[in-house]
Amino acid sequence: MPRYRLNTGPISTAASTTKTLADIATPSGATAGIAKYWIGSDATSAGTATSAIRVQVGLFSAAVTTHTAYTPDLVDYGANGVASAMTVGVNTTSEGAGTPTHIQEFPLGLTQSWNAVWETVNSVIPASSFWRIRVITPAGIGTTNLYVVADWDE
C-alpha cells in the first residue's frame, strides 16, 4: 500500500471565517486510510491570549469545489512512482456545499508563538467520500497562518 502526504505552506484565514485547509475525495471503488494529520499555527494572529480556532477533521457530505488542486507526495518509496488515485486540494476560496457527517472537533489555541496538534489516527475514507480539515475562526482574531500535513494509505 503506497503512502501519500499533503503538506501545505502557510494558509491565511481571517476573523469570522470558515475555511477548508485540506481535503481528500475518494473515487468510487477506492478507499483511503488516514494514518495521521497535523495542524499548526504560527504567531501571526492578532487575537487575544484566550483566542482559539475551532478545528473540524473528518467526513463531510460534499466535495469542496473551490480549492487549489494539490499533487500529493509519495512517501512510501517502495511504491515507485505510483500516483495517488485521490482528488486532493488545499486552501479553499469559499466553503460551498457540504456539512460534517462524522468529525472530530477541537480548539487550536493561539496563546503561544507556535501551536500544533499532531494526531495519529486509523480512520478510513470510504469510496465516494470527502475528508477535510476545516477551521472556524471566531470574531476578534486577526489574520492567522495555519499549516496542515496529512498522511494516508491507498
N, C-alpha and C. Protein backbone atom coordinates (compact mmCIF):
# COMPACT_ATOMS: atom_id res chain seq x y z
N MET A 1 0.83 -1.18 0.00
CA MET A 1 0.00 0.00 0.00
C MET A 1 0.87 1.24 0.00
N PRO A 2 0.79 2.05 -1.02
CA PRO A 2 1.58 3.29 -1.01
C PRO A 2 1.02 4.30 -0.02
N ARG A 3 1.91 5.10 0.56
CA ARG A 3 1.52 6.18 1.47
C ARG A 3 1.81 7.51 0.80
N TYR A 4 0.86 8.44 0.95
CA TYR A 4 0.96 9.77 0.36
C TYR A 4 0.86 10.84 1.45
N ARG A 5 1.33 12.05 1.11
CA ARG A 5 1.31 13.17 2.06
C ARG A 5 0.95 14.46 1.35
N LEU A 6 0.11 15.24 2.02
CA LEU A 6 -0.06 16.64 1.63
C LEU A 6 0.57 17.47 2.71
N ASN A 7 1.21 18.56 2.31
CA ASN A 7 1.96 19.40 3.22
C ASN A 7 1.80 20.83 2.74
N THR A 8 0.92 21.58 3.41
CA THR A 8 0.66 22.95 2.94
C THR A 8 1.70 23.91 3.48
N GLY A 9 1.88 24.96 2.77
CA GLY A 9 2.61 26.10 3.31
C GLY A 9 1.63 26.90 4.15
N PRO A 10 1.96 28.12 4.51
CA PRO A 10 1.02 28.90 5.32
C PRO A 10 -0.26 29.20 4.53
N ILE A 11 -1.40 28.95 5.16
CA ILE A 11 -2.70 29.30 4.60
C ILE A 11 -3.30 30.34 5.52
N SER A 12 -3.58 31.50 5.00
CA SER A 12 -4.12 32.59 5.83
C SER A 12 -5.62 32.46 5.98
N THR A 13 -6.08 32.75 7.18
CA THR A 13 -7.51 32.81 7.45
C THR A 13 -7.78 34.05 8.28
N ALA A 14 -8.96 34.60 8.12
CA ALA A 14 -9.31 35.85 8.81
C ALA A 14 -10.40 35.59 9.83
N ALA A 15 -10.73 36.61 10.61
CA ALA A 15 -11.77 36.51 11.63
C ALA A 15 -13.12 36.16 11.00
N SER A 16 -13.93 35.45 11.77
CA SER A 16 -15.31 35.09 11.39
C SER A 16 -15.35 34.36 10.05
N THR A 17 -14.44 33.42 9.86
CA THR A 17 -14.32 32.69 8.60
C THR A 17 -14.35 31.19 8.83
N THR A 18 -15.05 30.47 7.96
CA THR A 18 -14.97 29.01 7.91
C THR A 18 -14.21 28.66 6.65
N LYS A 19 -13.17 27.82 6.78
CA LYS A 19 -12.31 27.55 5.63
C LYS A 19 -11.76 26.13 5.70
N THR A 20 -11.87 25.41 4.58
CA THR A 20 -11.24 24.10 4.48
C THR A 20 -9.79 24.31 4.08
N LEU A 21 -8.89 23.79 4.91
CA LEU A 21 -7.45 23.92 4.65
C LEU A 21 -6.96 22.81 3.74
N ALA A 22 -7.52 21.60 3.88
CA ALA A 22 -7.10 20.46 3.07
C ALA A 22 -8.28 19.51 2.92
N ASP A 23 -8.39 18.89 1.76
CA ASP A 23 -9.46 17.93 1.53
C ASP A 23 -8.99 16.80 0.63
N ILE A 24 -9.53 15.62 0.89
CA ILE A 24 -9.24 14.43 0.09
C ILE A 24 -10.57 13.81 -0.29
N ALA A 25 -10.78 13.59 -1.58
CA ALA A 25 -12.00 12.95 -2.07
C ALA A 25 -11.63 11.60 -2.69
N THR A 26 -12.33 10.57 -2.28
CA THR A 26 -12.06 9.24 -2.82
C THR A 26 -12.96 8.98 -4.02
N PRO A 27 -12.44 8.32 -5.05
CA PRO A 27 -13.29 7.96 -6.20
C PRO A 27 -14.16 6.75 -5.86
N SER A 28 -15.12 6.45 -6.72
CA SER A 28 -15.92 5.25 -6.50
C SER A 28 -15.01 4.03 -6.64
N GLY A 29 -15.19 3.07 -5.79
CA GLY A 29 -14.39 1.85 -5.87
C GLY A 29 -13.03 1.92 -5.20
N ALA A 30 -12.70 3.03 -4.54
CA ALA A 30 -11.39 3.14 -3.87
C ALA A 30 -11.59 3.78 -2.50
N THR A 31 -10.78 3.37 -1.54
CA THR A 31 -10.79 3.95 -0.21
C THR A 31 -9.39 4.47 0.12
N ALA A 32 -9.31 5.21 1.18
CA ALA A 32 -8.01 5.68 1.68
C ALA A 32 -8.03 5.57 3.19
N GLY A 33 -6.89 5.27 3.77
CA GLY A 33 -6.77 5.17 5.22
C GLY A 33 -5.93 6.31 5.75
N ILE A 34 -6.55 7.22 6.49
CA ILE A 34 -5.80 8.32 7.09
C ILE A 34 -4.90 7.74 8.18
N ALA A 35 -3.61 7.97 8.06
CA ALA A 35 -2.66 7.46 9.05
C ALA A 35 -2.39 8.49 10.14
N LYS A 36 -2.26 9.77 9.75
CA LYS A 36 -2.01 10.84 10.71
C LYS A 36 -2.24 12.18 10.05
N TYR A 37 -2.45 13.18 10.89
CA TYR A 37 -2.54 14.54 10.38
C TYR A 37 -1.96 15.48 11.42
N TRP A 38 -1.66 16.68 10.98
CA TRP A 38 -1.04 17.70 11.82
C TRP A 38 -1.60 19.04 11.41
N ILE A 39 -1.92 19.88 12.37
CA ILE A 39 -2.35 21.25 12.08
C ILE A 39 -1.65 22.16 13.08
N GLY A 40 -1.15 23.27 12.59
CA GLY A 40 -0.45 24.20 13.46
C GLY A 40 -0.66 25.64 13.02
N SER A 41 -0.35 26.56 13.92
CA SER A 41 -0.43 27.98 13.60
C SER A 41 0.86 28.64 14.05
N ASP A 42 1.24 29.69 13.33
CA ASP A 42 2.40 30.45 13.78
C ASP A 42 1.91 31.67 14.54
N ALA A 43 2.77 32.56 14.89
CA ALA A 43 2.42 33.67 15.77
C ALA A 43 1.93 34.90 15.02
N THR A 44 1.25 34.71 13.90
CA THR A 44 0.81 35.87 13.13
C THR A 44 -0.52 36.43 13.59
N SER A 45 -1.24 35.70 14.44
CA SER A 45 -2.59 36.11 14.83
C SER A 45 -2.56 37.35 15.72
N ALA A 46 -3.55 38.18 15.52
CA ALA A 46 -3.69 39.38 16.34
C ALA A 46 -4.78 39.19 17.39
N GLY A 47 -5.11 37.95 17.73
CA GLY A 47 -6.18 37.67 18.69
C GLY A 47 -5.75 37.89 20.12
N THR A 48 -6.67 37.63 21.01
CA THR A 48 -6.38 37.77 22.43
C THR A 48 -5.70 36.52 22.94
N ALA A 49 -5.20 36.57 24.15
CA ALA A 49 -4.49 35.44 24.75
C ALA A 49 -5.38 34.22 24.94
N THR A 50 -6.68 34.42 24.97
CA THR A 50 -7.60 33.29 25.16
C THR A 50 -8.24 32.84 23.85
N SER A 51 -7.78 33.36 22.76
CA SER A 51 -8.36 33.03 21.45
C SER A 51 -8.08 31.59 21.07
N ALA A 52 -9.04 30.97 20.40
CA ALA A 52 -8.86 29.63 19.86
C ALA A 52 -9.65 29.50 18.57
N ILE A 53 -9.07 28.77 17.65
CA ILE A 53 -9.74 28.45 16.39
C ILE A 53 -10.35 27.07 16.55
N ARG A 54 -11.58 26.89 16.07
CA ARG A 54 -12.23 25.58 16.12
C ARG A 54 -11.80 24.78 14.90
N VAL A 55 -11.33 23.56 15.12
CA VAL A 55 -10.86 22.69 14.05
C VAL A 55 -11.83 21.52 13.92
N GLN A 56 -12.23 21.21 12.68
CA GLN A 56 -13.07 20.05 12.39
C GLN A 56 -12.31 19.15 11.43
N VAL A 57 -12.19 17.87 11.78
CA VAL A 57 -11.48 16.90 10.96
C VAL A 57 -12.38 15.70 10.76
N GLY A 58 -12.59 15.30 9.51
CA GLY A 58 -13.39 14.10 9.26
C GLY A 58 -14.16 14.15 7.97
N LEU A 59 -15.25 13.39 7.93
CA LEU A 59 -16.03 13.23 6.71
C LEU A 59 -17.09 14.32 6.59
N PHE A 60 -17.28 14.78 5.36
CA PHE A 60 -18.28 15.79 5.03
C PHE A 60 -19.17 15.26 3.92
N SER A 61 -20.35 15.87 3.76
CA SER A 61 -21.35 15.34 2.83
C SER A 61 -21.13 15.70 1.37
N ALA A 62 -20.20 16.59 1.08
CA ALA A 62 -19.97 17.00 -0.31
C ALA A 62 -18.53 17.44 -0.50
N ALA A 63 -18.12 17.48 -1.76
CA ALA A 63 -16.76 17.89 -2.11
C ALA A 63 -16.59 19.40 -2.01
N VAL A 64 -15.37 19.81 -1.82
CA VAL A 64 -15.01 21.22 -1.91
C VAL A 64 -14.68 21.49 -3.38
N THR A 65 -15.27 22.53 -3.95
CA THR A 65 -15.03 22.81 -5.37
C THR A 65 -14.16 24.03 -5.61
N THR A 66 -13.84 24.76 -4.56
CA THR A 66 -13.07 26.00 -4.74
C THR A 66 -11.67 25.89 -4.15
N HIS A 67 -11.13 24.69 -4.14
CA HIS A 67 -9.78 24.52 -3.60
C HIS A 67 -8.74 24.64 -4.72
N THR A 68 -7.50 24.73 -4.31
CA THR A 68 -6.38 24.65 -5.24
C THR A 68 -5.97 23.18 -5.33
N ALA A 69 -5.97 22.63 -6.53
CA ALA A 69 -5.59 21.22 -6.70
C ALA A 69 -4.18 21.01 -6.19
N TYR A 70 -3.95 19.85 -5.58
CA TYR A 70 -2.67 19.55 -4.96
C TYR A 70 -2.24 18.15 -5.37
N THR A 71 -1.00 18.01 -5.80
CA THR A 71 -0.43 16.70 -6.13
C THR A 71 0.31 16.20 -4.90
N PRO A 72 -0.20 15.13 -4.27
CA PRO A 72 0.43 14.66 -3.03
C PRO A 72 1.80 14.05 -3.29
N ASP A 73 2.62 14.10 -2.25
CA ASP A 73 3.94 13.49 -2.29
C ASP A 73 3.82 12.01 -1.96
N LEU A 74 4.57 11.20 -2.66
CA LEU A 74 4.65 9.78 -2.37
C LEU A 74 5.72 9.61 -1.30
N VAL A 75 5.35 9.11 -0.12
CA VAL A 75 6.32 8.96 0.96
C VAL A 75 6.70 7.51 1.21
N ASP A 76 6.07 6.59 0.51
CA ASP A 76 6.43 5.18 0.57
C ASP A 76 7.13 4.86 -0.74
N TYR A 77 8.44 4.93 -0.72
CA TYR A 77 9.19 4.83 -1.97
C TYR A 77 9.22 3.42 -2.54
N GLY A 78 8.72 2.43 -1.80
CA GLY A 78 8.59 1.10 -2.35
C GLY A 78 7.53 1.04 -3.44
N ALA A 79 6.64 2.04 -3.46
CA ALA A 79 5.58 2.07 -4.47
C ALA A 79 6.08 2.63 -5.80
N ASN A 80 7.25 3.18 -5.83
CA ASN A 80 7.94 3.59 -7.05
C ASN A 80 7.13 4.39 -8.06
N GLY A 81 6.75 5.58 -7.69
CA GLY A 81 6.15 6.50 -8.64
C GLY A 81 4.68 6.27 -8.93
N VAL A 82 3.96 5.52 -8.10
CA VAL A 82 2.54 5.31 -8.32
C VAL A 82 1.79 6.58 -7.90
N ALA A 83 1.01 7.13 -8.80
CA ALA A 83 0.26 8.36 -8.50
C ALA A 83 -0.95 8.05 -7.62
N SER A 84 -1.30 8.99 -6.79
CA SER A 84 -2.47 8.84 -5.93
C SER A 84 -3.74 8.82 -6.78
N ALA A 85 -4.71 8.01 -6.37
CA ALA A 85 -6.00 7.94 -7.05
C ALA A 85 -6.98 8.96 -6.49
N MET A 86 -6.60 9.66 -5.42
CA MET A 86 -7.49 10.60 -4.75
C MET A 86 -7.46 11.96 -5.40
N THR A 87 -8.55 12.72 -5.24
CA THR A 87 -8.57 14.12 -5.62
C THR A 87 -8.24 14.91 -4.37
N VAL A 88 -7.16 15.67 -4.42
CA VAL A 88 -6.65 16.36 -3.23
C VAL A 88 -6.61 17.86 -3.50
N GLY A 89 -7.01 18.64 -2.50
CA GLY A 89 -6.98 20.09 -2.65
C GLY A 89 -6.61 20.77 -1.35
N VAL A 90 -6.20 22.02 -1.47
CA VAL A 90 -5.85 22.83 -0.30
C VAL A 90 -6.39 24.24 -0.49
N ASN A 91 -6.56 24.96 0.61
CA ASN A 91 -6.80 26.39 0.60
C ASN A 91 -8.03 26.81 -0.20
N THR A 92 -9.22 26.47 0.30
CA THR A 92 -10.45 26.87 -0.39
C THR A 92 -10.61 28.38 -0.40
N THR A 93 -11.27 28.86 -1.44
CA THR A 93 -11.57 30.29 -1.51
C THR A 93 -12.95 30.59 -0.96
N SER A 94 -13.85 29.60 -0.97
CA SER A 94 -15.15 29.73 -0.29
C SER A 94 -15.59 28.32 0.09
N GLU A 95 -16.35 28.22 1.16
CA GLU A 95 -16.67 26.92 1.71
C GLU A 95 -17.63 26.11 0.85
N GLY A 96 -18.67 26.70 0.35
CA GLY A 96 -19.59 25.97 -0.52
C GLY A 96 -20.36 24.88 0.19
N ALA A 97 -20.73 23.84 -0.56
CA ALA A 97 -21.59 22.77 -0.05
C ALA A 97 -20.84 21.84 0.89
N GLY A 98 -21.61 21.07 1.62
CA GLY A 98 -21.04 20.02 2.46
C GLY A 98 -21.15 20.33 3.93
N THR A 99 -21.77 19.43 4.65
CA THR A 99 -21.88 19.55 6.10
C THR A 99 -21.13 18.39 6.75
N PRO A 100 -20.67 18.57 7.97
CA PRO A 100 -19.97 17.48 8.66
C PRO A 100 -20.90 16.29 8.87
N THR A 101 -20.41 15.10 8.61
CA THR A 101 -21.20 13.89 8.85
C THR A 101 -20.57 13.01 9.92
N HIS A 102 -19.27 13.02 10.02
CA HIS A 102 -18.56 12.23 11.03
C HIS A 102 -17.22 12.92 11.26
N ILE A 103 -17.15 13.74 12.32
CA ILE A 103 -15.96 14.56 12.52
C ILE A 103 -15.46 14.49 13.95
N GLN A 104 -14.22 14.90 14.10
CA GLN A 104 -13.62 15.19 15.40
C GLN A 104 -13.49 16.70 15.44
N GLU A 105 -13.83 17.32 16.56
CA GLU A 105 -13.74 18.77 16.66
C GLU A 105 -12.97 19.13 17.93
N PHE A 106 -12.06 20.11 17.81
CA PHE A 106 -11.25 20.52 18.97
C PHE A 106 -10.78 21.95 18.76
N PRO A 107 -10.40 22.64 19.85
CA PRO A 107 -9.87 24.00 19.73
C PRO A 107 -8.37 23.97 19.45
N LEU A 108 -7.90 24.90 18.67
CA LEU A 108 -6.47 25.13 18.46
C LEU A 108 -6.17 26.48 19.08
N GLY A 109 -5.53 26.48 20.24
CA GLY A 109 -5.25 27.72 20.95
C GLY A 109 -4.19 28.54 20.25
N LEU A 110 -4.27 29.84 20.42
CA LEU A 110 -3.31 30.75 19.78
C LEU A 110 -2.54 31.53 20.84
N THR A 111 -2.24 30.89 21.94
CA THR A 111 -1.61 31.59 23.06
C THR A 111 -0.10 31.52 23.05
N GLN A 112 0.50 30.71 22.18
CA GLN A 112 1.95 30.55 22.16
C GLN A 112 2.50 31.06 20.83
N SER A 113 3.81 31.08 20.73
CA SER A 113 4.41 31.52 19.47
C SER A 113 4.21 30.47 18.38
N TRP A 114 3.99 29.22 18.77
CA TRP A 114 3.71 28.15 17.81
C TRP A 114 2.84 27.14 18.51
N ASN A 115 1.78 26.72 17.87
CA ASN A 115 0.89 25.75 18.49
C ASN A 115 0.51 24.72 17.43
N ALA A 116 0.53 23.45 17.80
CA ALA A 116 0.24 22.40 16.83
C ALA A 116 -0.47 21.23 17.50
N VAL A 117 -1.23 20.51 16.71
CA VAL A 117 -1.85 19.27 17.13
C VAL A 117 -1.42 18.21 16.14
N TRP A 118 -0.82 17.13 16.63
CA TRP A 118 -0.39 16.01 15.78
C TRP A 118 -1.21 14.82 16.24
N GLU A 119 -1.97 14.24 15.35
CA GLU A 119 -2.88 13.17 15.72
C GLU A 119 -2.60 11.95 14.85
N THR A 120 -2.34 10.82 15.50
CA THR A 120 -2.21 9.57 14.77
C THR A 120 -3.57 8.89 14.81
N VAL A 121 -4.10 8.60 13.65
CA VAL A 121 -5.44 8.02 13.55
C VAL A 121 -5.41 6.83 12.62
N ASN A 122 -6.35 5.98 12.77
CA ASN A 122 -6.54 4.88 11.83
C ASN A 122 -7.99 4.94 11.38
N SER A 123 -8.29 5.87 10.50
CA SER A 123 -9.65 6.00 10.01
C SER A 123 -9.66 5.82 8.50
N VAL A 124 -10.74 5.29 8.01
CA VAL A 124 -10.88 5.00 6.58
C VAL A 124 -11.82 6.01 5.95
N ILE A 125 -11.42 6.53 4.80
CA ILE A 125 -12.31 7.35 3.99
C ILE A 125 -12.99 6.38 3.03
N PRO A 126 -14.29 6.15 3.17
CA PRO A 126 -14.97 5.22 2.27
C PRO A 126 -14.94 5.70 0.82
N ALA A 127 -15.25 4.80 -0.09
CA ALA A 127 -15.33 5.16 -1.52
C ALA A 127 -16.37 6.27 -1.70
N SER A 128 -16.12 7.14 -2.64
CA SER A 128 -17.01 8.26 -2.98
C SER A 128 -17.31 9.14 -1.77
N SER A 129 -16.28 9.45 -0.98
CA SER A 129 -16.47 10.26 0.23
C SER A 129 -15.50 11.44 0.25
N PHE A 130 -15.71 12.31 1.23
CA PHE A 130 -14.99 13.57 1.28
C PHE A 130 -14.47 13.82 2.69
N TRP A 131 -13.14 13.87 2.85
CA TRP A 131 -12.48 14.10 4.14
C TRP A 131 -11.85 15.48 4.12
N ARG A 132 -12.02 16.23 5.20
CA ARG A 132 -11.49 17.59 5.26
C ARG A 132 -10.84 17.90 6.60
N ILE A 133 -9.95 18.87 6.57
CA ILE A 133 -9.52 19.59 7.76
C ILE A 133 -10.02 21.01 7.56
N ARG A 134 -10.97 21.40 8.41
CA ARG A 134 -11.62 22.69 8.26
C ARG A 134 -11.49 23.47 9.56
N VAL A 135 -11.35 24.79 9.45
CA VAL A 135 -11.26 25.65 10.62
C VAL A 135 -12.39 26.66 10.62
N ILE A 136 -12.79 27.02 11.83
CA ILE A 136 -13.79 28.08 12.02
C ILE A 136 -13.14 29.10 12.93
N THR A 137 -12.88 30.27 12.37
CA THR A 137 -12.16 31.32 13.09
C THR A 137 -13.18 32.30 13.67
N PRO A 138 -13.15 32.52 14.99
CA PRO A 138 -14.12 33.43 15.60
C PRO A 138 -13.80 34.89 15.33
N ALA A 139 -14.76 35.74 15.64
CA ALA A 139 -14.53 37.18 15.57
C ALA A 139 -13.44 37.55 16.57
N GLY A 140 -12.71 38.59 16.29
CA GLY A 140 -11.70 39.07 17.22
C GLY A 140 -10.32 38.50 17.00
N ILE A 141 -10.19 37.58 16.04
CA ILE A 141 -8.87 37.04 15.71
C ILE A 141 -8.46 37.62 14.37
N GLY A 142 -7.27 38.17 14.32
CA GLY A 142 -6.78 38.73 13.07
C GLY A 142 -6.32 37.65 12.12
N THR A 143 -5.70 38.04 11.04
CA THR A 143 -5.17 37.10 10.07
C THR A 143 -4.25 36.11 10.76
N THR A 144 -4.47 34.83 10.51
CA THR A 144 -3.70 33.77 11.14
C THR A 144 -3.19 32.82 10.06
N ASN A 145 -1.91 32.48 10.12
CA ASN A 145 -1.35 31.49 9.21
C ASN A 145 -1.48 30.11 9.82
N LEU A 146 -2.05 29.18 9.06
CA LEU A 146 -2.22 27.80 9.50
C LEU A 146 -1.49 26.88 8.54
N TYR A 147 -1.03 25.75 9.06
CA TYR A 147 -0.26 24.78 8.28
C TYR A 147 -0.87 23.40 8.53
N VAL A 148 -0.90 22.56 7.50
CA VAL A 148 -1.50 21.23 7.60
C VAL A 148 -0.60 20.20 6.94
N VAL A 149 -0.49 19.04 7.57
CA VAL A 149 0.13 17.86 6.99
C VAL A 149 -0.84 16.70 7.21
N ALA A 150 -1.02 15.85 6.21
CA ALA A 150 -1.84 14.65 6.37
C ALA A 150 -1.19 13.51 5.58
N ASP A 151 -1.15 12.34 6.16
CA ASP A 151 -0.64 11.13 5.51
C ASP A 151 -1.78 10.14 5.36
N TRP A 152 -1.84 9.46 4.22
CA TRP A 152 -2.84 8.42 4.03
C TRP A 152 -2.29 7.30 3.16
N ASP A 153 -2.91 6.13 3.31
CA ASP A 153 -2.55 4.94 2.55
C ASP A 153 -3.65 4.63 1.56
N GLU A 154 -3.25 4.17 0.39
CA GLU A 154 -4.23 3.76 -0.62
C GLU A 154 -4.00 2.31 -0.97
